[in-house]
PDB file of N, CA and C in Angstrom:
ATOM      1  N   MET A   1       0.851  -1.176   0.000  1.00  0.00           N
ATOM      2  CA  MET A   1       0.000   0.000   0.000  1.00  0.00           C
ATOM      3  C   MET A   1       0.898   1.241   0.000  1.00  0.00           C
ATOM      4  N   PRO A   2       0.609   2.200  -0.880  1.00  0.00           N
ATOM      5  CA  PRO A   2       1.418   3.427  -0.927  1.00  0.00           C
ATOM      6  C   PRO A   2       1.275   4.257   0.351  1.00  0.00           C
ATOM      7  N   ARG A   3       2.232   5.126   0.565  1.00  0.00           N
ATOM      8  CA  ARG A   3       2.243   5.971   1.759  1.00  0.00           C
ATOM      9  C   ARG A   3       2.106   7.438   1.384  1.00  0.00           C
ATOM     10  N   CYS A   4       1.500   8.195   2.266  1.00  0.00           N
ATOM     11  CA  CYS A   4       1.353   9.640   2.095  1.00  0.00           C
ATOM     12  C   CYS A   4       2.748  10.276   2.089  1.00  0.00           C
ATOM     13  N   PRO A   5       3.039  11.147   1.119  1.00  0.00           N
ATOM     14  CA  PRO A   5       4.369  11.765   1.062  1.00  0.00           C
ATOM     15  C   PRO A   5       4.643  12.764   2.183  1.00  0.00           C
ATOM     16  N   VAL A   6       3.610  13.175   2.919  1.00  0.00           N
ATOM     17  CA  VAL A   6       3.802  14.146   3.999  1.00  0.00           C
ATOM     18  C   VAL A   6       3.981  13.446   5.345  1.00  0.00           C
ATOM     19  N   CYS A   7       3.057  12.528   5.684  1.00  0.00           N
ATOM     20  CA  CYS A   7       3.097  11.919   7.023  1.00  0.00           C
ATOM     21  C   CYS A   7       3.398  10.424   7.013  1.00  0.00           C
ATOM     22  N   ALA A   8       3.508   9.834   5.847  1.00  0.00           N
ATOM     23  CA  ALA A   8       3.836   8.416   5.676  1.00  0.00           C
ATOM     24  C   ALA A   8       2.717   7.465   6.120  1.00  0.00           C
ATOM     25  N   ALA A   9       1.513   7.967   6.287  1.00  0.00           N
ATOM     26  CA  ALA A   9       0.376   7.095   6.603  1.00  0.00           C
ATOM     27  C   ALA A   9       0.000   6.307   5.351  1.00  0.00           C
ATOM     28  N   PRO A  10      -0.512   5.083   5.535  1.00  0.00           N
ATOM     29  CA  PRO A  10      -0.952   4.314   4.373  1.00  0.00           C
ATOM     30  C   PRO A  10      -2.115   5.007   3.654  1.00  0.00           C
ATOM     31  N   VAL A  11      -2.128   4.913   2.332  1.00  0.00           N
ATOM     32  CA  VAL A  11      -3.172   5.548   1.531  1.00  0.00           C
ATOM     33  C   VAL A  11      -3.871   4.480   0.695  1.00  0.00           C
ATOM     34  N   ASP A  12      -5.175   4.359   0.874  1.00  0.00           N
ATOM     35  CA  ASP A  12      -5.977   3.428   0.081  1.00  0.00           C
ATOM     36  C   ASP A  12      -6.303   4.123  -1.237  1.00  0.00           C
ATOM     37  N   LEU A  13      -5.740   3.618  -2.328  1.00  0.00           N
ATOM     38  CA  LEU A  13      -5.899   4.255  -3.629  1.00  0.00           C
ATOM     39  C   LEU A  13      -7.339   4.253  -4.130  1.00  0.00           C
ATOM     40  N   VAL A  14      -8.156   3.340  -3.642  1.00  0.00           N
ATOM     41  CA  VAL A  14      -9.541   3.238  -4.093  1.00  0.00           C
ATOM     42  C   VAL A  14     -10.469   4.117  -3.260  1.00  0.00           C
ATOM     43  N   LYS A  15     -10.268   4.167  -1.966  1.00  0.00           N
ATOM     44  CA  LYS A  15     -11.200   4.849  -1.059  1.00  0.00           C
ATOM     45  C   LYS A  15     -10.815   6.282  -0.706  1.00  0.00           C
ATOM     46  N   THR A  16      -9.574   6.660  -0.927  1.00  0.00           N
ATOM     47  CA  THR A  16      -9.113   7.977  -0.495  1.00  0.00           C
ATOM     48  C   THR A  16      -9.246   8.989  -1.635  1.00  0.00           C
ATOM     49  N   PRO A  17     -10.073  10.024  -1.455  1.00  0.00           N
ATOM     50  CA  PRO A  17     -10.271  11.011  -2.524  1.00  0.00           C
ATOM     51  C   PRO A  17      -9.106  11.997  -2.688  1.00  0.00           C
ATOM     52  N   THR A  18      -8.160  11.991  -1.756  1.00  0.00           N
ATOM     53  CA  THR A  18      -7.056  12.956  -1.796  1.00  0.00           C
ATOM     54  C   THR A  18      -5.734  12.319  -2.226  1.00  0.00           C
ATOM     55  N   VAL A  19      -5.810  11.192  -2.936  1.00  0.00           N
ATOM     56  CA  VAL A  19      -4.607  10.493  -3.384  1.00  0.00           C
ATOM     57  C   VAL A  19      -3.684  11.472  -4.110  1.00  0.00           C
ATOM     58  N   PRO A  20      -2.394  11.486  -3.878  1.00  0.00           N
ATOM     59  CA  PRO A  20      -1.590  10.541  -3.124  1.00  0.00           C
ATOM     60  C   PRO A  20      -1.488  10.856  -1.635  1.00  0.00           C
ATOM     61  N   PHE A  21      -2.232  11.840  -1.163  1.00  0.00           N
ATOM     62  CA  PHE A  21      -2.181  12.212   0.248  1.00  0.00           C
ATOM     63  C   PHE A  21      -3.254  11.461   1.027  1.00  0.00           C
ATOM     64  N   CYS A  22      -3.055  11.319   2.333  1.00  0.00           N
ATOM     65  CA  CYS A  22      -4.020  10.601   3.159  1.00  0.00           C
ATOM     66  C   CYS A  22      -5.198  11.484   3.551  1.00  0.00           C
ATOM     67  N   SER A  23      -5.036  12.815   3.471  1.00  0.00           N
ATOM     68  CA  SER A  23      -6.101  13.715   3.909  1.00  0.00           C
ATOM     69  C   SER A  23      -5.932  15.091   3.267  1.00  0.00           C
ATOM     70  N   ASP A  24      -6.965  15.921   3.417  1.00  0.00           N
ATOM     71  CA  ASP A  24      -6.880  17.307   2.949  1.00  0.00           C
ATOM     72  C   ASP A  24      -5.786  18.062   3.700  1.00  0.00           C
ATOM     73  N   ARG A  25      -5.617  17.735   4.965  1.00  0.00           N
ATOM     74  CA  ARG A  25      -4.589  18.401   5.779  1.00  0.00           C
ATOM     75  C   ARG A  25      -3.201  18.194   5.169  1.00  0.00           C
ATOM     76  N   CYS A  26      -2.870  16.949   4.833  1.00  0.00           N
ATOM     77  CA  CYS A  26      -1.547  16.667   4.253  1.00  0.00           C
ATOM     78  C   CYS A  26      -1.418  17.295   2.868  1.00  0.00           C
ATOM     79  N   ARG A  27      -2.495  17.329   2.114  1.00  0.00           N
ATOM     80  CA  ARG A  27      -2.457  17.966   0.792  1.00  0.00           C
ATOM     81  C   ARG A  27      -2.178  19.463   0.934  1.00  0.00           C
ATOM     82  N   THR A  28      -2.782  20.096   1.945  1.00  0.00           N
ATOM     83  CA  THR A  28      -2.566  21.527   2.191  1.00  0.00           C
ATOM     84  C   THR A  28      -1.147  21.789   2.683  1.00  0.00           C
ATOM     85  N   ILE A  29      -0.635  20.920   3.528  1.00  0.00           N
ATOM     86  CA  ILE A  29       0.752  21.056   4.004  1.00  0.00           C
ATOM     87  C   ILE A  29       1.712  20.991   2.823  1.00  0.00           C
ATOM     88  N   ASP A  30       1.494  20.041   1.916  1.00  0.00           N
ATOM     89  CA  ASP A  30       2.354  19.901   0.749  1.00  0.00           C
ATOM     90  C   ASP A  30       2.292  21.142  -0.136  1.00  0.00           C
ATOM     91  N   LEU A  31       1.104  21.668  -0.365  1.00  0.00           N
ATOM     92  CA  LEU A  31       0.956  22.888  -1.162  1.00  0.00           C
ATOM     93  C   LEU A  31       1.707  24.047  -0.506  1.00  0.00           C
ATOM     94  N   GLY A  32       1.580  24.175   0.798  1.00  0.00           N
ATOM     95  CA  GLY A  32       2.284  25.228   1.524  1.00  0.00           C
ATOM     96  C   GLY A  32       3.793  25.125   1.372  1.00  0.00           C
ATOM     97  N   ARG A  33       4.302  23.901   1.351  1.00  0.00           N
ATOM     98  CA  ARG A  33       5.748  23.712   1.176  1.00  0.00           C
ATOM     99  C   ARG A  33       6.198  24.168  -0.206  1.00  0.00           C
ATOM    100  N   TRP A  34       5.379  23.914  -1.236  1.00  0.00           N
ATOM    101  CA  TRP A  34       5.710  24.393  -2.579  1.00  0.00           C
ATOM    102  C   TRP A  34       5.661  25.914  -2.623  1.00  0.00           C
ATOM    103  N   LEU A  35       4.624  26.495  -2.045  1.00  0.00           N
ATOM    104  CA  LEU A  35       4.466  27.946  -2.099  1.00  0.00           C
ATOM    105  C   LEU A  35       5.539  28.684  -1.298  1.00  0.00           C
ATOM    106  N   ASN A  36       6.024  28.067  -0.225  1.00  0.00           N
ATOM    107  CA  ASN A  36       7.101  28.668   0.578  1.00  0.00           C
ATOM    108  C   ASN A  36       8.486  28.343   0.025  1.00  0.00           C
ATOM    109  N   GLU A  37       8.501  27.639  -1.106  1.00  0.00           N
ATOM    110  CA  GLU A  37       9.733  27.230  -1.765  1.00  0.00           C
ATOM    111  C   GLU A  37      10.599  26.307  -0.913  1.00  0.00           C
ATOM    112  N   SER A  38       9.944  25.515  -0.052  1.00  0.00           N
ATOM    113  CA  SER A  38      10.661  24.474   0.678  1.00  0.00           C
ATOM    114  C   SER A  38      11.021  23.339  -0.273  1.00  0.00           C
ATOM    115  N   TYR A  39      10.189  23.158  -1.286  1.00  0.00           N
ATOM    116  CA  TYR A  39      10.447  22.200  -2.354  1.00  0.00           C
ATOM    117  C   TYR A  39      10.880  22.986  -3.568  1.00  0.00           C
ATOM    118  N   GLY A  40      11.531  22.328  -4.467  1.00  0.00           N
ATOM    119  CA  GLY A  40      11.887  22.959  -5.724  1.00  0.00           C
ATOM    120  C   GLY A  40      12.290  21.918  -6.737  1.00  0.00           C
ATOM    121  N   LEU A  41      12.322  22.307  -7.962  1.00  0.00           N
ATOM    122  CA  LEU A  41      12.757  21.435  -9.036  1.00  0.00           C
ATOM    123  C   LEU A  41      14.193  21.778  -9.381  1.00  0.00           C
ATOM    124  N   PRO A  42      14.994  20.755  -9.672  1.00  0.00           N
ATOM    125  CA  PRO A  42      16.370  21.042 -10.062  1.00  0.00           C
ATOM    126  C   PRO A  42      16.390  21.811 -11.375  1.00  0.00           C
ATOM    127  N   ARG A  43      17.354  22.691 -11.500  1.00  0.00           N
ATOM    128  CA  ARG A  43      17.446  23.513 -12.698  1.00  0.00           C
ATOM    129  C   ARG A  43      18.802  23.300 -13.341  1.00  0.00           C
ATOM    130  N   ARG A  44      18.784  23.041 -14.623  1.00  0.00           N
ATOM    131  CA  ARG A  44      20.037  22.899 -15.362  1.00  0.00           C
ATOM    132  C   ARG A  44      20.448  24.257 -15.891  1.00  0.00           C
ATOM    133  N   THR A  45      21.706  24.574 -15.721  1.00  0.00           N
ATOM    134  CA  THR A  45      22.223  25.819 -16.280  1.00  0.00           C
ATOM    135  C   THR A  45      23.152  25.459 -17.421  1.00  0.00           C
ATOM    136  N   PRO A  46      23.172  26.245 -18.461  1.00  0.00           N
ATOM    137  CA  PRO A  46      24.100  25.972 -19.561  1.00  0.00           C
ATOM    138  C   PRO A  46      25.535  25.991 -19.046  1.00  0.00           C
ATOM    139  N   SER A  47      26.387  25.178 -19.617  1.00  0.00           N
ATOM    140  CA  SER A  47      27.779  25.159 -19.157  1.00  0.00           C
ATOM    141  C   SER A  47      28.395  26.531 -19.361  1.00  0.00           C
ATOM    142  N   GLY A  48      29.076  26.994 -18.341  1.00  0.00           N
ATOM    143  CA  GLY A  48      29.715  28.300 -18.401  1.00  0.00           C
ATOM    144  C   GLY A  48      28.779  29.449 -18.068  1.00  0.00           C
ATOM    145  N   ALA A  49      27.552  29.170 -17.671  1.00  0.00           N
ATOM    146  CA  ALA A  49      26.592  30.240 -17.393  1.00  0.00           C
ATOM    147  C   ALA A  49      27.059  31.117 -16.240  1.00  0.00           C
ATOM    148  N   ALA A  50      27.670  30.538 -15.229  1.00  0.00           N
ATOM    149  CA  ALA A  50      28.134  31.320 -14.087  1.00  0.00           C
ATOM    150  C   ALA A  50      29.233  32.287 -14.532  1.00  0.00           C
ATOM    151  N   ASP A  51      30.090  31.839 -15.443  1.00  0.00           N
ATOM    152  CA  ASP A  51      31.157  32.703 -15.941  1.00  0.00           C
ATOM    153  C   ASP A  51      30.599  33.828 -16.798  1.00  0.00           C
ATOM    154  N   ASP A  52      29.587  33.520 -17.594  1.00  0.00           N
ATOM    155  CA  ASP A  52      29.000  34.524 -18.493  1.00  0.00           C
ATOM    156  C   ASP A  52      28.325  35.641 -17.724  1.00  0.00           C
ATOM    157  N   GLU A  53      27.766  35.327 -16.559  1.00  0.00           N
ATOM    158  CA  GLU A  53      27.038  36.340 -15.790  1.00  0.00           C
ATOM    159  C   GLU A  53      27.933  37.495 -15.367  1.00  0.00           C
ATOM    160  N   CYS A  54      29.166  37.220 -15.015  1.00  0.00           N
ATOM    161  CA  CYS A  54      30.043  38.290 -14.555  1.00  0.00           C
ATOM    162  C   CYS A  54      30.955  38.790 -15.669  1.00  0.00           C
ATOM    163  N   GLY A  55      30.811  38.232 -16.870  1.00  0.00           N
ATOM    164  CA  GLY A  55      31.582  38.721 -18.012  1.00  0.00           C
ATOM    165  C   GLY A  55      33.005  38.254 -18.051  1.00  0.00           C
ATOM    166  N   GLU A  56      33.340  37.232 -17.266  1.00  0.00           N
ATOM    167  CA  GLU A  56      34.686  36.706 -17.264  1.00  0.00           C
ATOM    168  C   GLU A  56      34.678  35.308 -17.820  1.00  0.00           C
ATOM    169  N   SER A  57      35.780  34.911 -18.416  1.00  0.00           N
ATOM    170  CA  SER A  57      35.863  33.589 -19.011  1.00  0.00           C
ATOM    171  C   SER A  57      36.174  32.523 -17.973  1.00  0.00           C
ATOM    172  N   GLY A  58      36.734  32.895 -16.825  1.00  0.00           N
ATOM    173  CA  GLY A  58      37.028  31.944 -15.763  1.00  0.00           C
ATOM    174  C   GLY A  58      38.329  31.208 -15.945  1.00  0.00           C
ATOM    175  N   ASP A  59      39.078  31.520 -17.013  1.00  0.00           N
ATOM    176  CA  ASP A  59      40.339  30.823 -17.240  1.00  0.00           C
ATOM    177  C   ASP A  59      41.554  31.624 -16.789  1.00  0.00           C
ATOM    178  N   GLY A  60      41.343  32.755 -16.132  1.00  0.00           N
ATOM    179  CA  GLY A  60      42.428  33.548 -15.613  1.00  0.00           C
ATOM    180  C   GLY A  60      42.964  34.573 -16.593  1.00  0.00           C
ATOM    181  N   GLU A  61      42.487  34.555 -17.832  1.00  0.00           N
ATOM    182  CA  GLU A  61      42.954  35.527 -18.822  1.00  0.00           C
ATOM    183  C   GLU A  61      41.915  36.627 -18.980  1.00  0.00           C
ATOM    184  N   SER A  62      42.412  37.867 -19.204  1.00  0.00           N
ATOM    185  CA  SER A  62      41.495  38.978 -19.379  1.00  0.00           C
ATOM    186  C   SER A  62      41.558  39.529 -20.774  1.00  0.00           C
TER     187      SER A  62
END
């Protein structure tokens, strides 16, 4: 049986209307974490992007 991602309680996929959460409370907690930026998605930056931002090549030459 799958578990709620917030509190780890078992979740009945057939009977629980708030799947994948066990309750509205856990669903609201999860939403709050996204809105407060406690969660985030990884972001890929182009290679050398950090160097381009400051206008330097990063190789020690000017």
